């Protein structure tokens, strides 16, 4: 299992060769506050790295969810759509947003590992 992070506070985790799981980080959910709504991407749609793939809304703000890598969305978390608070209670687990079939592994390899992301958080 390999987890990487973006500057926009998304995480992406490759668990198997079929798809990678994407969600928001603990920092992102802390900054947002209580999540009340998520707009998830369309299954079957392909996105470029950095393209807006969804929106998360909280009592404080709304934030775009950016595609961490180019690829096709193969599944969305319907449990999160039904209970957006999962993004707060378990952002790195059951609060995942969608799964993507990565089309360019070099993009994944270029994302931050955990120590690099921790270093980024210390500068905020």
C-alpha atoms as a PDB file:
ATOM      1  CA  UNK A   1       0.000   0.000   0.000  1.00  0.00           C
ATOM      2  CA  UNK A   2       1.480   3.312  -1.114  1.00  0.00           C
ATOM      3  CA  UNK A   3      -0.071   6.627  -0.112  1.00  0.00           C
ATOM      4  CA  UNK A   4       0.916   9.943  -1.705  1.00  0.00           C
ATOM      5  CA  UNK A   5      -0.287  13.503  -1.130  1.00  0.00           C
ATOM      6  CA  UNK A   6      -0.950  16.669  -3.160  1.00  0.00           C
ATOM      7  CA  UNK A   7      -0.351  20.342  -2.375  1.00  0.00           C
ATOM      8  CA  UNK A   8      -4.159  20.666  -2.388  1.00  0.00           C
ATOM      9  CA  UNK A   9      -4.465  18.224   0.545  1.00  0.00           C
ATOM     10  CA  UNK A  10      -5.805  15.199  -1.277  1.00  0.00           C
ATOM     11  CA  UNK A  11      -4.382  11.762  -0.644  1.00  0.00           C
ATOM     12  CA  UNK A  12      -4.191   8.893  -3.108  1.00  0.00           C
ATOM     13  CA  UNK A  13      -3.566   5.315  -2.116  1.00  0.00           C
ATOM     14  CA  UNK A  14      -2.729   2.437  -4.424  1.00  0.00           C
ATOM     15  CA  UNK A  15      -3.938  -0.790  -2.852  1.00  0.00           C
ATOM     16  CA  UNK A  16      -4.104  -2.941  -5.964  1.00  0.00           C
ATOM     17  CA  UNK A  17      -3.377  -2.662  -9.666  1.00  0.00           C
ATOM     18  CA  UNK A  18      -6.982  -1.935 -10.658  1.00  0.00           C
ATOM     19  CA  UNK A  19      -7.590   1.431  -9.033  1.00  0.00           C
ATOM     20  CA  UNK A  20      -6.296   3.983  -6.551  1.00  0.00           C
ATOM     21  CA  UNK A  21      -8.440   5.479  -3.783  1.00  0.00           C
ATOM     22  CA  UNK A  22      -8.648   9.288  -3.389  1.00  0.00           C
ATOM     23  CA  UNK A  23      -9.766  11.371  -0.410  1.00  0.00           C
ATOM     24  CA  UNK A  24      -8.986  14.501   1.566  1.00  0.00           C
ATOM     25  CA  UNK A  25      -6.370  14.676   4.299  1.00  0.00           C
ATOM     26  CA  UNK A  26      -6.813  15.237   8.015  1.00  0.00           C
ATOM     27  CA  UNK A  27      -5.509  18.774   7.499  1.00  0.00           C
ATOM     28  CA  UNK A  28      -8.136  19.468   4.813  1.00  0.00           C
ATOM     29  CA  UNK A  29     -11.043  18.244   6.914  1.00  0.00           C
ATOM     30  CA  UNK A  30      -9.739  20.228   9.927  1.00  0.00           C
ATOM     31  CA  UNK A  31      -9.590  23.383   7.802  1.00  0.00           C
ATOM     32  CA  UNK A  32     -13.054  22.810   6.351  1.00  0.00           C
ATOM     33  CA  UNK A  33     -14.861  21.998   9.577  1.00  0.00           C
ATOM     34  CA  UNK A  34     -18.055  19.944   9.548  1.00  0.00           C
ATOM     35  CA  UNK A  35     -18.607  18.567   6.050  1.00  0.00           C
ATOM     36  CA  UNK A  36     -22.270  18.771   5.032  1.00  0.00           C
ATOM     37  CA  UNK A  37     -22.222  17.920   1.298  1.00  0.00           C
ATOM     38  CA  UNK A  38     -19.997  16.262  -1.291  1.00  0.00           C
ATOM     39  CA  UNK A  39     -20.309  16.437  -5.057  1.00  0.00           C
ATOM     40  CA  UNK A  40     -18.565  13.332  -6.373  1.00  0.00           C
ATOM     41  CA  UNK A  41     -17.253  12.846  -9.908  1.00  0.00           C
ATOM     42  CA  UNK A  42     -19.061  10.906 -12.599  1.00  0.00           C
ATOM     43  CA  UNK A  43     -18.104   7.229 -12.855  1.00  0.00           C
ATOM     44  CA  UNK A  44     -16.595   6.489 -16.259  1.00  0.00           C
ATOM     45  CA  UNK A  45     -15.353  10.020 -16.824  1.00  0.00           C
ATOM     46  CA  UNK A  46     -11.657  10.654 -17.383  1.00  0.00           C
ATOM     47  CA  UNK A  47      -9.901  13.617 -15.795  1.00  0.00           C
ATOM     48  CA  UNK A  48      -6.516  15.230 -16.253  1.00  0.00           C
ATOM     49  CA  UNK A  49      -4.201  15.703 -13.285  1.00  0.00           C
ATOM     50  CA  UNK A  50      -5.195  18.912 -11.473  1.00  0.00           C
ATOM     51  CA  UNK A  51      -8.688  19.063 -12.975  1.00  0.00           C
ATOM     52  CA  UNK A  52     -11.586  19.696 -10.591  1.00  0.00           C
ATOM     53  CA  UNK A  53     -13.263  16.335  -9.982  1.00  0.00           C
ATOM     54  CA  UNK A  54     -15.673  17.241  -7.199  1.00  0.00           C
ATOM     55  CA  UNK A  55     -16.607  19.649  -4.439  1.00  0.00           C
ATOM     56  CA  UNK A  56     -16.777  19.326  -0.683  1.00  0.00           C
ATOM     57  CA  UNK A  57     -18.905  21.782   1.285  1.00  0.00           C
ATOM     58  CA  UNK A  58     -18.758  22.443   4.983  1.00  0.00           C
ATOM     59  CA  UNK A  59     -20.410  24.793   7.420  1.00  0.00           C
ATOM     60  CA  UNK A  60     -17.423  27.123   6.852  1.00  0.00           C
ATOM     61  CA  UNK A  61     -16.576  26.885   3.158  1.00  0.00           C
ATOM     62  CA  UNK A  62     -16.681  24.996  -0.106  1.00  0.00           C
ATOM     63  CA  UNK A  63     -13.545  23.532  -1.663  1.00  0.00           C
ATOM     64  CA  UNK A  64     -12.771  21.886  -4.957  1.00  0.00           C
ATOM     65  CA  UNK A  65     -11.437  18.350  -5.025  1.00  0.00           C
ATOM     66  CA  UNK A  66      -8.670  18.129  -7.604  1.00  0.00           C
ATOM     67  CA  UNK A  67      -7.714  14.987  -9.493  1.00  0.00           C
ATOM     68  CA  UNK A  68      -4.296  14.002  -8.100  1.00  0.00           C
ATOM     69  CA  UNK A  69      -3.429  12.003 -11.240  1.00  0.00           C
ATOM     70  CA  UNK A  70      -4.815  11.615 -14.733  1.00  0.00           C
ATOM     71  CA  UNK A  71      -7.241   8.741 -15.040  1.00  0.00           C
ATOM     72  CA  UNK A  72     -10.761   7.390 -15.206  1.00  0.00           C
ATOM     73  CA  UNK A  73     -13.110   7.387 -12.214  1.00  0.00           C
ATOM     74  CA  UNK A  74     -14.204   3.789 -11.700  1.00  0.00           C
ATOM     75  CA  UNK A  75     -16.153   4.099  -8.430  1.00  0.00           C
ATOM     76  CA  UNK A  76     -17.474   6.738  -6.023  1.00  0.00           C
ATOM     77  CA  UNK A  77     -18.134   6.367  -2.318  1.00  0.00           C
ATOM     78  CA  UNK A  78     -21.925   6.294  -2.094  1.00  0.00           C
ATOM     79  CA  UNK A  79     -21.684   5.985   1.709  1.00  0.00           C
ATOM     80  CA  UNK A  80     -19.950   9.395   1.740  1.00  0.00           C
ATOM     81  CA  UNK A  81     -22.683  10.886  -0.436  1.00  0.00           C
ATOM     82  CA  UNK A  82     -25.265   9.583   2.056  1.00  0.00           C
ATOM     83  CA  UNK A  83     -23.228  10.648   5.122  1.00  0.00           C
ATOM     84  CA  UNK A  84     -20.788  13.477   4.265  1.00  0.00           C
ATOM     85  CA  UNK A  85     -19.607  13.568   7.901  1.00  0.00           C
ATOM     86  CA  UNK A  86     -17.488  10.492   7.096  1.00  0.00           C
ATOM     87  CA  UNK A  87     -15.035  12.962   5.551  1.00  0.00           C
ATOM     88  CA  UNK A  88     -14.534  14.334   9.084  1.00  0.00           C
ATOM     89  CA  UNK A  89     -14.726  11.191  11.180  1.00  0.00           C
ATOM     90  CA  UNK A  90     -12.565   8.960   8.963  1.00  0.00           C
ATOM     91  CA  UNK A  91     -10.997  11.026   6.147  1.00  0.00           C
ATOM     92  CA  UNK A  92      -8.175   8.555   5.488  1.00  0.00           C
ATOM     93  CA  UNK A  93     -10.467   5.509   5.616  1.00  0.00           C
ATOM     94  CA  UNK A  94     -14.237   5.175   5.173  1.00  0.00           C
ATOM     95  CA  UNK A  95     -14.448   8.842   4.151  1.00  0.00           C
ATOM     96  CA  UNK A  96     -12.701   8.244   0.805  1.00  0.00           C
ATOM     97  CA  UNK A  97     -14.179  10.072  -2.198  1.00  0.00           C
ATOM     98  CA  UNK A  98     -13.566   8.014  -5.340  1.00  0.00           C
ATOM     99  CA  UNK A  99     -11.426   5.407  -7.045  1.00  0.00           C
ATOM    100  CA  UNK A 100      -9.457   6.158 -10.185  1.00  0.00           C
ATOM    101  CA  UNK A 101      -7.739   3.980 -12.750  1.00  0.00           C
ATOM    102  CA  UNK A 102      -4.420   5.810 -13.162  1.00  0.00           C
ATOM    103  CA  UNK A 103      -3.404   6.475 -16.755  1.00  0.00           C
ATOM    104  CA  UNK A 104       0.057   7.910 -15.974  1.00  0.00           C
ATOM    105  CA  UNK A 105       2.016   6.352 -13.114  1.00  0.00           C
ATOM    106  CA  UNK A 106       4.731   9.002 -13.478  1.00  0.00           C
ATOM    107  CA  UNK A 107       2.238  11.537 -12.123  1.00  0.00           C
ATOM    108  CA  UNK A 108       1.642   9.331  -9.074  1.00  0.00           C
ATOM    109  CA  UNK A 109       5.374   8.880  -8.556  1.00  0.00           C
ATOM    110  CA  UNK A 110       5.788  12.677  -8.612  1.00  0.00           C
ATOM    111  CA  UNK A 111       3.412  13.289  -5.696  1.00  0.00           C
ATOM    112  CA  UNK A 112       4.600  13.836  -2.107  1.00  0.00           C
ATOM    113  CA  UNK A 113       5.267  10.962   0.250  1.00  0.00           C
ATOM    114  CA  UNK A 114       4.248  11.221   3.901  1.00  0.00           C
ATOM    115  CA  UNK A 115       7.461  12.927   5.170  1.00  0.00           C
ATOM    116  CA  UNK A 116       7.294  15.513   2.372  1.00  0.00           C
ATOM    117  CA  UNK A 117       3.629  16.223   3.109  1.00  0.00           C
ATOM    118  CA  UNK A 118       4.382  16.570   6.835  1.00  0.00           C
ATOM    119  CA  UNK A 119       7.104  19.085   5.918  1.00  0.00           C
ATOM    120  CA  UNK A 120       4.586  21.030   3.803  1.00  0.00           C
ATOM    121  CA  UNK A 121       2.137  21.176   6.725  1.00  0.00           C
ATOM    122  CA  UNK A 122       4.838  22.723   8.953  1.00  0.00           C
ATOM    123  CA  UNK A 123       5.070  25.667   6.532  1.00  0.00           C
ATOM    124  CA  UNK A 124       1.339  26.479   6.687  1.00  0.00           C
END
